[in-house]
Amino acid sequence: MFNHLSRRSALAIPAIAVLAAVAGCATTTTGMGGGDLGGGGDAEQPVLFDWQSGDGGLSGTLSATLPKRTFVGPFAEITLRTPRGNLAPFWAGWNEGWGDWPYSADGWDSASASAQFTHWYSGKVVANLRDEQGRAMRCRFDLAQALKGLRGGAHGQCQLAGGKILNATIDKR
């Protein structure tokens, strides 16, 4: 009887390990979008966005590819459960709350941006990106379907450290 149980156990352990590994793996969600960089008399230049997330589009990595450089960095949807301290990476290299980037349309209140993010669900996504030379780009998006994160699509703006603005759209998945 002991040998019979040992064989069953020996066969069951690899099967359980495979099931546990499959159950423990996070599904990676990806998406794309586009935008344009222009202004200041310059011709518009296309921008390609793509993102990856392990939590369904609530947070992850965003990249913005311009004709001559690519910016990459973290993004996160701001919710009531977002601790204020978790926002610190998004302010790095910029004024906290981005109060220097005025934008009152659609609820972005530059005077109280960092405070409002920590008090209520905003339906917003923020990102802080860098290129290989360390040049900065910050992005803010209004979600089309807040419960789906970036998977539901979004529109917004990004700003380069020099002040240039680009309009951005993330496609619905």
N, C-alpha and C. Protein backbone atom coordinates (compact mmCIF):
# COMPACT_ATOMS: atom_id res chain seq x y z
N MET A 1 0.81 -1.18 0.00
CA MET A 1 0.00 0.00 0.00
C MET A 1 0.86 1.25 0.00
N PHE A 2 1.94 1.28 0.74
CA PHE A 2 2.82 2.44 0.79
C PHE A 2 3.39 2.75 -0.59
N ASN A 3 3.84 1.70 -1.31
CA ASN A 3 4.38 1.90 -2.66
C ASN A 3 3.32 2.47 -3.59
N HIS A 4 2.07 2.03 -3.46
CA HIS A 4 0.98 2.50 -4.30
C HIS A 4 0.75 4.00 -4.06
N LEU A 5 0.74 4.43 -2.78
CA LEU A 5 0.56 5.85 -2.46
C LEU A 5 1.74 6.68 -2.91
N SER A 6 2.93 6.13 -2.81
CA SER A 6 4.12 6.86 -3.22
C SER A 6 4.10 7.14 -4.71
N ARG A 7 3.66 6.15 -5.51
CA ARG A 7 3.57 6.36 -6.96
C ARG A 7 2.53 7.41 -7.30
N ARG A 8 1.38 7.36 -6.62
CA ARG A 8 0.35 8.38 -6.85
C ARG A 8 0.86 9.76 -6.49
N SER A 9 1.53 9.84 -5.35
CA SER A 9 2.07 11.12 -4.92
C SER A 9 3.11 11.61 -5.91
N ALA A 10 3.94 10.71 -6.38
CA ALA A 10 4.98 11.09 -7.34
C ALA A 10 4.37 11.62 -8.63
N LEU A 11 3.25 11.05 -9.05
CA LEU A 11 2.58 11.52 -10.26
C LEU A 11 1.79 12.80 -10.00
N ALA A 12 1.24 12.93 -8.82
CA ALA A 12 0.40 14.09 -8.51
C ALA A 12 1.22 15.37 -8.31
N ILE A 13 2.41 15.26 -7.77
CA ILE A 13 3.21 16.45 -7.47
C ILE A 13 3.53 17.25 -8.73
N PRO A 14 4.00 16.63 -9.83
CA PRO A 14 4.25 17.44 -11.02
C PRO A 14 2.97 18.07 -11.57
N ALA A 15 1.86 17.35 -11.52
CA ALA A 15 0.59 17.91 -12.01
C ALA A 15 0.17 19.10 -11.17
N ILE A 16 0.31 19.02 -9.87
CA ILE A 16 -0.03 20.13 -9.00
C ILE A 16 0.90 21.31 -9.26
N ALA A 17 2.17 21.04 -9.46
CA ALA A 17 3.14 22.10 -9.73
C ALA A 17 2.79 22.84 -11.02
N VAL A 18 2.40 22.12 -12.06
CA VAL A 18 2.02 22.74 -13.33
C VAL A 18 0.78 23.62 -13.13
N LEU A 19 -0.23 23.09 -12.43
CA LEU A 19 -1.44 23.87 -12.18
C LEU A 19 -1.14 25.12 -11.36
N ALA A 20 -0.30 24.99 -10.37
CA ALA A 20 0.05 26.14 -9.54
C ALA A 20 0.80 27.19 -10.35
N ALA A 21 1.69 26.73 -11.22
CA ALA A 21 2.44 27.67 -12.05
C ALA A 21 1.52 28.42 -13.01
N VAL A 22 0.59 27.70 -13.62
CA VAL A 22 -0.35 28.34 -14.53
C VAL A 22 -1.24 29.31 -13.78
N ALA A 23 -1.74 28.94 -12.64
CA ALA A 23 -2.63 29.80 -11.85
C ALA A 23 -1.89 31.03 -11.34
N GLY A 24 -0.61 30.89 -11.04
CA GLY A 24 0.16 31.99 -10.49
C GLY A 24 0.66 32.98 -11.51
N CYS A 25 0.63 32.64 -12.78
CA CYS A 25 1.13 33.53 -13.81
C CYS A 25 0.15 34.67 -14.05
N ALA A 26 0.67 35.88 -14.07
CA ALA A 26 -0.16 37.03 -14.39
C ALA A 26 -0.24 37.16 -15.91
N THR A 27 -1.41 37.48 -16.38
CA THR A 27 -1.60 37.69 -17.80
C THR A 27 -1.14 39.09 -18.14
N THR A 28 -0.32 39.20 -19.16
CA THR A 28 0.14 40.50 -19.60
C THR A 28 -0.84 41.05 -20.62
N THR A 29 -1.31 42.26 -20.39
CA THR A 29 -2.19 42.96 -21.31
C THR A 29 -1.36 44.01 -22.03
N THR A 30 -1.59 44.17 -23.32
CA THR A 30 -0.87 45.17 -24.09
C THR A 30 -1.85 46.00 -24.90
N GLY A 31 -1.41 47.14 -25.35
CA GLY A 31 -2.23 47.99 -26.19
C GLY A 31 -1.38 49.00 -26.91
N MET A 32 -2.02 49.71 -27.84
CA MET A 32 -1.31 50.69 -28.67
C MET A 32 -2.14 51.95 -28.79
N GLY A 33 -1.54 52.96 -29.31
CA GLY A 33 -2.22 54.21 -29.58
C GLY A 33 -1.33 55.10 -30.42
N GLY A 34 -1.78 56.30 -30.64
CA GLY A 34 -1.02 57.21 -31.47
C GLY A 34 -1.22 58.64 -31.04
N GLY A 35 -0.46 59.50 -31.66
CA GLY A 35 -0.56 60.91 -31.36
C GLY A 35 0.24 61.70 -32.36
N ASP A 36 0.32 62.99 -32.10
CA ASP A 36 1.12 63.85 -32.98
C ASP A 36 1.80 64.91 -32.14
N LEU A 37 3.02 65.23 -32.55
CA LEU A 37 3.82 66.25 -31.91
C LEU A 37 3.95 67.38 -32.91
N GLY A 38 3.56 68.55 -32.53
CA GLY A 38 3.64 69.70 -33.44
C GLY A 38 3.70 70.98 -32.66
N GLY A 39 3.42 72.04 -33.33
CA GLY A 39 3.40 73.34 -32.67
C GLY A 39 4.68 74.10 -32.88
N GLY A 40 4.63 75.38 -32.59
CA GLY A 40 5.82 76.22 -32.75
C GLY A 40 6.25 76.34 -34.20
N GLY A 41 5.32 76.18 -35.14
CA GLY A 41 5.65 76.27 -36.56
C GLY A 41 6.21 74.99 -37.15
N ASP A 42 6.44 73.98 -36.34
CA ASP A 42 6.97 72.71 -36.83
C ASP A 42 5.85 71.89 -37.47
N ALA A 43 6.23 71.07 -38.43
CA ALA A 43 5.26 70.13 -39.01
C ALA A 43 4.95 69.07 -37.97
N GLU A 44 3.71 68.56 -37.99
CA GLU A 44 3.33 67.51 -37.05
C GLU A 44 4.15 66.26 -37.31
N GLN A 45 4.56 65.62 -36.23
CA GLN A 45 5.31 64.37 -36.30
C GLN A 45 4.49 63.28 -35.62
N PRO A 46 4.40 62.10 -36.23
CA PRO A 46 3.62 61.03 -35.61
C PRO A 46 4.32 60.47 -34.37
N VAL A 47 3.51 60.02 -33.42
CA VAL A 47 4.00 59.39 -32.20
C VAL A 47 3.24 58.09 -32.03
N LEU A 48 3.95 57.02 -31.75
CA LEU A 48 3.34 55.71 -31.51
C LEU A 48 3.46 55.40 -30.03
N PHE A 49 2.33 55.05 -29.40
CA PHE A 49 2.31 54.64 -28.01
C PHE A 49 2.09 53.15 -27.95
N ASP A 50 2.74 52.50 -27.02
CA ASP A 50 2.37 51.13 -26.67
C ASP A 50 2.59 50.92 -25.20
N TRP A 51 1.78 50.03 -24.63
CA TRP A 51 1.84 49.81 -23.19
C TRP A 51 1.72 48.33 -22.88
N GLN A 52 2.24 47.99 -21.70
CA GLN A 52 2.16 46.63 -21.16
C GLN A 52 1.73 46.73 -19.71
N SER A 53 0.90 45.77 -19.29
CA SER A 53 0.43 45.77 -17.92
C SER A 53 0.22 44.34 -17.46
N GLY A 54 0.54 44.08 -16.21
CA GLY A 54 0.29 42.78 -15.60
C GLY A 54 -0.98 42.76 -14.78
N ASP A 55 -1.69 43.91 -14.71
CA ASP A 55 -2.91 43.98 -13.91
C ASP A 55 -4.11 44.50 -14.70
N GLY A 56 -4.14 44.21 -15.99
CA GLY A 56 -5.30 44.57 -16.80
C GLY A 56 -5.34 46.00 -17.27
N GLY A 57 -4.26 46.72 -17.20
CA GLY A 57 -4.21 48.09 -17.71
C GLY A 57 -4.32 49.15 -16.64
N LEU A 58 -4.22 48.76 -15.36
CA LEU A 58 -4.28 49.75 -14.29
C LEU A 58 -2.92 50.38 -14.01
N SER A 59 -1.85 49.63 -14.26
CA SER A 59 -0.49 50.14 -14.11
C SER A 59 0.41 49.30 -15.00
N GLY A 60 1.59 49.83 -15.28
CA GLY A 60 2.52 49.09 -16.12
C GLY A 60 3.55 50.02 -16.72
N THR A 61 3.95 49.70 -17.95
CA THR A 61 4.98 50.45 -18.66
C THR A 61 4.39 51.02 -19.94
N LEU A 62 4.66 52.29 -20.19
CA LEU A 62 4.20 52.99 -21.39
C LEU A 62 5.42 53.42 -22.18
N SER A 63 5.36 53.29 -23.49
CA SER A 63 6.43 53.84 -24.33
C SER A 63 5.82 54.74 -25.39
N ALA A 64 6.54 55.80 -25.72
CA ALA A 64 6.14 56.75 -26.75
C ALA A 64 7.30 56.86 -27.72
N THR A 65 7.07 56.45 -28.97
CA THR A 65 8.12 56.46 -29.97
C THR A 65 7.90 57.63 -30.92
N LEU A 66 8.83 58.57 -30.89
CA LEU A 66 8.85 59.71 -31.79
C LEU A 66 9.77 59.36 -32.95
N PRO A 67 9.82 60.17 -34.00
CA PRO A 67 10.68 59.81 -35.13
C PRO A 67 12.14 59.54 -34.79
N LYS A 68 12.73 60.25 -33.81
CA LYS A 68 14.16 60.07 -33.54
C LYS A 68 14.49 59.56 -32.15
N ARG A 69 13.48 59.28 -31.32
CA ARG A 69 13.76 58.79 -29.97
C ARG A 69 12.52 58.12 -29.37
N THR A 70 12.78 57.31 -28.34
CA THR A 70 11.71 56.60 -27.65
C THR A 70 11.80 56.90 -26.17
N PHE A 71 10.66 57.19 -25.58
CA PHE A 71 10.55 57.43 -24.15
C PHE A 71 9.84 56.24 -23.52
N VAL A 72 10.31 55.80 -22.35
CA VAL A 72 9.72 54.64 -21.67
C VAL A 72 9.65 54.94 -20.18
N GLY A 73 8.57 54.48 -19.54
CA GLY A 73 8.47 54.65 -18.10
C GLY A 73 7.16 54.09 -17.55
N PRO A 74 6.95 54.25 -16.25
CA PRO A 74 5.77 53.69 -15.61
C PRO A 74 4.52 54.53 -15.86
N PHE A 75 3.37 53.86 -15.85
CA PHE A 75 2.09 54.55 -15.84
C PHE A 75 1.24 53.93 -14.74
N ALA A 76 0.26 54.69 -14.26
CA ALA A 76 -0.66 54.17 -13.25
C ALA A 76 -1.98 54.92 -13.32
N GLU A 77 -3.06 54.17 -13.14
CA GLU A 77 -4.37 54.78 -12.99
C GLU A 77 -4.49 55.24 -11.54
N ILE A 78 -4.99 56.44 -11.34
CA ILE A 78 -5.13 57.00 -10.01
C ILE A 78 -6.51 56.64 -9.48
N THR A 79 -6.54 55.98 -8.33
CA THR A 79 -7.81 55.59 -7.71
C THR A 79 -7.78 56.01 -6.25
N LEU A 80 -8.90 55.83 -5.59
CA LEU A 80 -8.99 56.15 -4.17
C LEU A 80 -7.98 55.34 -3.36
N ARG A 81 -7.65 54.14 -3.84
CA ARG A 81 -6.72 53.28 -3.11
C ARG A 81 -5.25 53.57 -3.43
N THR A 82 -4.97 54.59 -4.23
CA THR A 82 -3.59 54.93 -4.56
C THR A 82 -2.99 55.74 -3.42
N PRO A 83 -2.05 55.18 -2.67
CA PRO A 83 -1.42 55.95 -1.61
C PRO A 83 -0.61 57.11 -2.19
N ARG A 84 -0.65 58.23 -1.53
CA ARG A 84 0.06 59.42 -2.01
C ARG A 84 1.54 59.11 -2.29
N GLY A 85 2.17 58.31 -1.45
CA GLY A 85 3.57 57.97 -1.64
C GLY A 85 3.84 57.22 -2.94
N ASN A 86 2.85 56.48 -3.44
CA ASN A 86 3.04 55.75 -4.69
C ASN A 86 3.12 56.67 -5.90
N LEU A 87 2.74 57.93 -5.74
CA LEU A 87 2.78 58.87 -6.85
C LEU A 87 4.15 59.51 -7.04
N ALA A 88 5.03 59.39 -6.07
CA ALA A 88 6.35 60.03 -6.12
C ALA A 88 7.10 59.77 -7.43
N PRO A 89 7.11 58.55 -7.99
CA PRO A 89 7.84 58.35 -9.24
C PRO A 89 7.30 59.18 -10.41
N PHE A 90 6.04 59.56 -10.35
CA PHE A 90 5.46 60.32 -11.45
C PHE A 90 5.83 61.79 -11.38
N TRP A 91 6.19 62.27 -10.21
CA TRP A 91 6.59 63.66 -10.06
C TRP A 91 8.10 63.82 -10.26
N ALA A 92 8.87 62.75 -10.28
CA ALA A 92 10.33 62.83 -10.39
C ALA A 92 10.74 63.67 -11.60
N GLY A 93 11.50 64.71 -11.35
CA GLY A 93 11.97 65.59 -12.41
C GLY A 93 10.99 66.71 -12.75
N TRP A 94 9.83 66.71 -12.11
CA TRP A 94 8.79 67.72 -12.36
C TRP A 94 8.34 68.27 -11.01
N ASN A 95 7.53 69.33 -11.03
CA ASN A 95 6.93 69.83 -9.79
C ASN A 95 5.88 68.84 -9.31
N GLU A 96 5.83 68.59 -8.00
CA GLU A 96 4.86 67.65 -7.45
C GLU A 96 3.44 68.06 -7.85
N GLY A 97 2.70 67.10 -8.36
CA GLY A 97 1.32 67.35 -8.79
C GLY A 97 1.22 68.01 -10.16
N TRP A 98 2.37 68.33 -10.76
CA TRP A 98 2.42 68.96 -12.08
C TRP A 98 1.64 70.26 -12.12
N GLY A 99 1.64 71.00 -11.02
CA GLY A 99 0.94 72.28 -10.96
C GLY A 99 1.45 73.29 -11.96
N ASP A 100 2.64 73.07 -12.52
CA ASP A 100 3.20 73.97 -13.52
C ASP A 100 2.71 73.66 -14.94
N TRP A 101 1.84 72.66 -15.07
CA TRP A 101 1.34 72.26 -16.38
C TRP A 101 -0.16 72.49 -16.39
N PRO A 102 -0.60 73.73 -16.57
CA PRO A 102 -2.02 74.05 -16.43
C PRO A 102 -2.89 73.33 -17.45
N TYR A 103 -4.00 72.84 -16.95
CA TYR A 103 -4.94 72.11 -17.78
C TYR A 103 -6.20 71.93 -16.97
N SER A 104 -7.15 72.80 -17.10
CA SER A 104 -8.34 72.72 -16.27
C SER A 104 -9.47 71.94 -16.93
N ALA A 105 -9.36 71.66 -18.22
CA ALA A 105 -10.42 70.91 -18.90
C ALA A 105 -10.48 69.49 -18.36
N ASP A 106 -11.64 68.91 -18.37
CA ASP A 106 -11.87 67.52 -17.97
C ASP A 106 -11.37 67.20 -16.56
N GLY A 107 -11.34 68.19 -15.68
CA GLY A 107 -11.09 67.88 -14.27
C GLY A 107 -9.65 67.92 -13.81
N TRP A 108 -8.68 68.20 -14.66
CA TRP A 108 -7.30 68.31 -14.19
C TRP A 108 -7.14 69.70 -13.60
N ASP A 109 -7.12 69.78 -12.32
CA ASP A 109 -6.99 71.04 -11.60
C ASP A 109 -5.55 71.17 -11.15
N SER A 110 -4.78 71.97 -11.87
CA SER A 110 -3.35 72.04 -11.60
C SER A 110 -3.03 72.56 -10.20
N ALA A 111 -3.91 73.36 -9.63
CA ALA A 111 -3.62 73.92 -8.31
C ALA A 111 -3.68 72.86 -7.21
N SER A 112 -4.47 71.82 -7.42
CA SER A 112 -4.59 70.81 -6.36
C SER A 112 -4.44 69.39 -6.90
N ALA A 113 -3.67 69.24 -7.97
CA ALA A 113 -3.58 67.94 -8.63
C ALA A 113 -3.13 66.82 -7.70
N SER A 114 -2.03 67.01 -7.00
CA SER A 114 -1.55 65.90 -6.17
C SER A 114 -2.52 65.61 -5.03
N ALA A 115 -3.17 66.63 -4.49
CA ALA A 115 -4.12 66.40 -3.41
C ALA A 115 -5.38 65.70 -3.92
N GLN A 116 -5.88 66.10 -5.07
CA GLN A 116 -7.12 65.49 -5.56
C GLN A 116 -6.91 64.02 -5.89
N PHE A 117 -5.74 63.65 -6.35
CA PHE A 117 -5.50 62.26 -6.69
C PHE A 117 -5.61 61.37 -5.46
N THR A 118 -5.28 61.89 -4.31
CA THR A 118 -5.25 61.05 -3.12
C THR A 118 -6.59 61.01 -2.38
N HIS A 119 -7.55 61.82 -2.79
CA HIS A 119 -8.81 61.88 -2.07
C HIS A 119 -9.98 61.19 -2.77
N TRP A 120 -9.96 61.07 -4.07
CA TRP A 120 -11.10 60.48 -4.76
C TRP A 120 -10.63 59.81 -6.04
N TYR A 121 -11.48 58.97 -6.56
CA TYR A 121 -11.16 58.30 -7.82
C TYR A 121 -11.25 59.30 -8.95
N SER A 122 -10.22 59.42 -9.74
CA SER A 122 -10.17 60.48 -10.73
C SER A 122 -10.45 60.02 -12.16
N GLY A 123 -10.36 58.72 -12.46
CA GLY A 123 -10.51 58.28 -13.85
C GLY A 123 -9.35 58.73 -14.71
N LYS A 124 -8.21 58.97 -14.11
CA LYS A 124 -7.03 59.50 -14.80
C LYS A 124 -5.88 58.51 -14.74
N VAL A 125 -5.00 58.63 -15.73
CA VAL A 125 -3.75 57.87 -15.76
C VAL A 125 -2.62 58.86 -15.92
N VAL A 126 -1.55 58.66 -15.17
CA VAL A 126 -0.36 59.48 -15.29
C VAL A 126 0.83 58.59 -15.66
N ALA A 127 1.80 59.19 -16.35
CA ALA A 127 3.02 58.46 -16.73
C ALA A 127 4.19 59.43 -16.69
N ASN A 128 5.36 58.93 -16.36
CA ASN A 128 6.59 59.70 -16.35
C ASN A 128 7.62 58.90 -17.12
N LEU A 129 7.99 59.39 -18.30
CA LEU A 129 8.83 58.64 -19.23
C LEU A 129 10.18 59.31 -19.40
N ARG A 130 11.17 58.52 -19.79
CA ARG A 130 12.52 59.02 -20.08
C ARG A 130 13.03 58.35 -21.35
N ASP A 131 13.88 59.09 -22.09
CA ASP A 131 14.55 58.47 -23.23
C ASP A 131 15.93 58.00 -22.79
N GLU A 132 16.73 57.46 -23.71
CA GLU A 132 18.04 56.91 -23.35
C GLU A 132 19.00 57.95 -22.80
N GLN A 133 18.81 59.22 -23.18
CA GLN A 133 19.67 60.29 -22.67
C GLN A 133 19.14 60.90 -21.37
N GLY A 134 18.02 60.38 -20.86
CA GLY A 134 17.45 60.88 -19.62
C GLY A 134 16.49 62.04 -19.79
N ARG A 135 16.20 62.43 -21.04
CA ARG A 135 15.24 63.51 -21.27
C ARG A 135 13.85 63.03 -20.87
N ALA A 136 13.05 63.95 -20.33
CA ALA A 136 11.78 63.59 -19.72
C ALA A 136 10.57 63.90 -20.60
N MET A 137 9.52 63.10 -20.39
CA MET A 137 8.20 63.33 -20.95
C MET A 137 7.19 62.90 -19.90
N ARG A 138 6.20 63.74 -19.64
CA ARG A 138 5.13 63.37 -18.72
C ARG A 138 3.83 63.30 -19.51
N CYS A 139 2.96 62.38 -19.10
CA CYS A 139 1.70 62.17 -19.81
C CYS A 139 0.56 62.09 -18.82
N ARG A 140 -0.61 62.56 -19.25
CA ARG A 140 -1.84 62.44 -18.48
C ARG A 140 -2.95 62.07 -19.44
N PHE A 141 -3.74 61.11 -19.02
CA PHE A 141 -4.81 60.59 -19.87
C PHE A 141 -6.13 60.59 -19.12
N ASP A 142 -7.21 60.86 -19.83
CA ASP A 142 -8.56 60.67 -19.34
C ASP A 142 -9.03 59.33 -19.89
N LEU A 143 -9.47 58.46 -19.00
CA LEU A 143 -9.90 57.13 -19.41
C LEU A 143 -11.29 57.19 -20.06
N ALA A 144 -11.46 56.43 -21.14
CA ALA A 144 -12.77 56.34 -21.79
C ALA A 144 -13.72 55.46 -20.96
N GLN A 145 -13.17 54.39 -20.37
CA GLN A 145 -13.93 53.47 -19.52
C GLN A 145 -13.08 53.18 -18.29
N ALA A 146 -13.31 53.95 -17.25
CA ALA A 146 -12.44 53.93 -16.08
C ALA A 146 -12.23 52.53 -15.48
N LEU A 147 -13.26 51.71 -15.47
CA LEU A 147 -13.12 50.39 -14.86
C LEU A 147 -12.17 49.47 -15.65
N LYS A 148 -11.94 49.78 -16.90
CA LYS A 148 -11.06 48.95 -17.73
C LYS A 148 -9.63 49.47 -17.79
N GLY A 149 -9.33 50.59 -17.15
CA GLY A 149 -7.99 51.15 -17.25
C GLY A 149 -7.68 51.49 -18.69
N LEU A 150 -6.43 51.36 -19.10
CA LEU A 150 -6.06 51.69 -20.48
C LEU A 150 -6.69 50.74 -21.50
N ARG A 151 -7.12 49.55 -21.05
CA ARG A 151 -7.79 48.62 -21.97
C ARG A 151 -9.05 49.24 -22.57
N GLY A 152 -9.69 50.17 -21.86
CA GLY A 152 -10.91 50.80 -22.33
C GLY A 152 -10.67 52.01 -23.22
N GLY A 153 -9.41 52.35 -23.46
CA GLY A 153 -9.07 53.50 -24.29
C GLY A 153 -8.91 54.76 -23.45
N ALA A 154 -8.22 55.73 -24.00
CA ALA A 154 -7.96 56.97 -23.29
C ALA A 154 -7.54 58.05 -24.27
N HIS A 155 -7.67 59.29 -23.87
CA HIS A 155 -7.14 60.41 -24.63
C HIS A 155 -6.46 61.37 -23.65
N GLY A 156 -5.47 62.09 -24.14
CA GLY A 156 -4.78 63.00 -23.25
C GLY A 156 -3.66 63.73 -23.94
N GLN A 157 -2.71 64.15 -23.14
CA GLN A 157 -1.57 64.91 -23.61
C GLN A 157 -0.30 64.42 -22.95
N CYS A 158 0.81 64.64 -23.64
CA CYS A 158 2.13 64.45 -23.07
C CYS A 158 2.90 65.74 -23.28
N GLN A 159 3.85 66.00 -22.40
CA GLN A 159 4.67 67.20 -22.51
C GLN A 159 6.14 66.80 -22.40
N LEU A 160 6.93 67.28 -23.35
CA LEU A 160 8.38 67.10 -23.30
C LEU A 160 8.96 68.12 -22.34
N ALA A 161 10.12 67.82 -21.78
CA ALA A 161 10.75 68.72 -20.81
C ALA A 161 10.94 70.12 -21.37
N GLY A 162 11.13 70.28 -22.66
CA GLY A 162 11.29 71.59 -23.27
C GLY A 162 9.99 72.36 -23.43
N GLY A 163 8.85 71.72 -23.11
CA GLY A 163 7.56 72.40 -23.18
C GLY A 163 6.66 71.97 -24.32
N LYS A 164 7.20 71.27 -25.32
CA LYS A 164 6.35 70.84 -26.44
C LYS A 164 5.29 69.88 -25.96
N ILE A 165 4.08 70.05 -26.50
CA ILE A 165 2.93 69.23 -26.14
C ILE A 165 2.59 68.31 -27.29
N LEU A 166 2.23 67.08 -26.96
CA LEU A 166 1.70 66.19 -27.99
C LEU A 166 0.37 65.65 -27.53
N ASN A 167 -0.54 65.53 -28.47
CA ASN A 167 -1.86 64.95 -28.21
C ASN A 167 -1.73 63.45 -28.35
N ALA A 168 -2.46 62.72 -27.53
CA ALA A 168 -2.30 61.27 -27.49
C ALA A 168 -3.64 60.57 -27.36
N THR A 169 -3.75 59.42 -28.00
CA THR A 169 -4.93 58.57 -27.89
C THR A 169 -4.46 57.14 -27.70
N ILE A 170 -5.04 56.45 -26.73
CA ILE A 170 -4.78 55.03 -26.52
C ILE A 170 -6.01 54.29 -27.02
N ASP A 171 -5.81 53.35 -27.92
CA ASP A 171 -6.91 52.62 -28.52
C ASP A 171 -7.55 51.65 -27.52
N LYS A 172 -8.85 51.48 -27.67
CA LYS A 172 -9.60 50.50 -26.87
C LYS A 172 -9.18 49.11 -27.33
N ARG A 173 -8.97 48.20 -26.34
CA ARG A 173 -8.61 46.81 -26.68
C ARG A 173 -9.84 45.97 -26.76
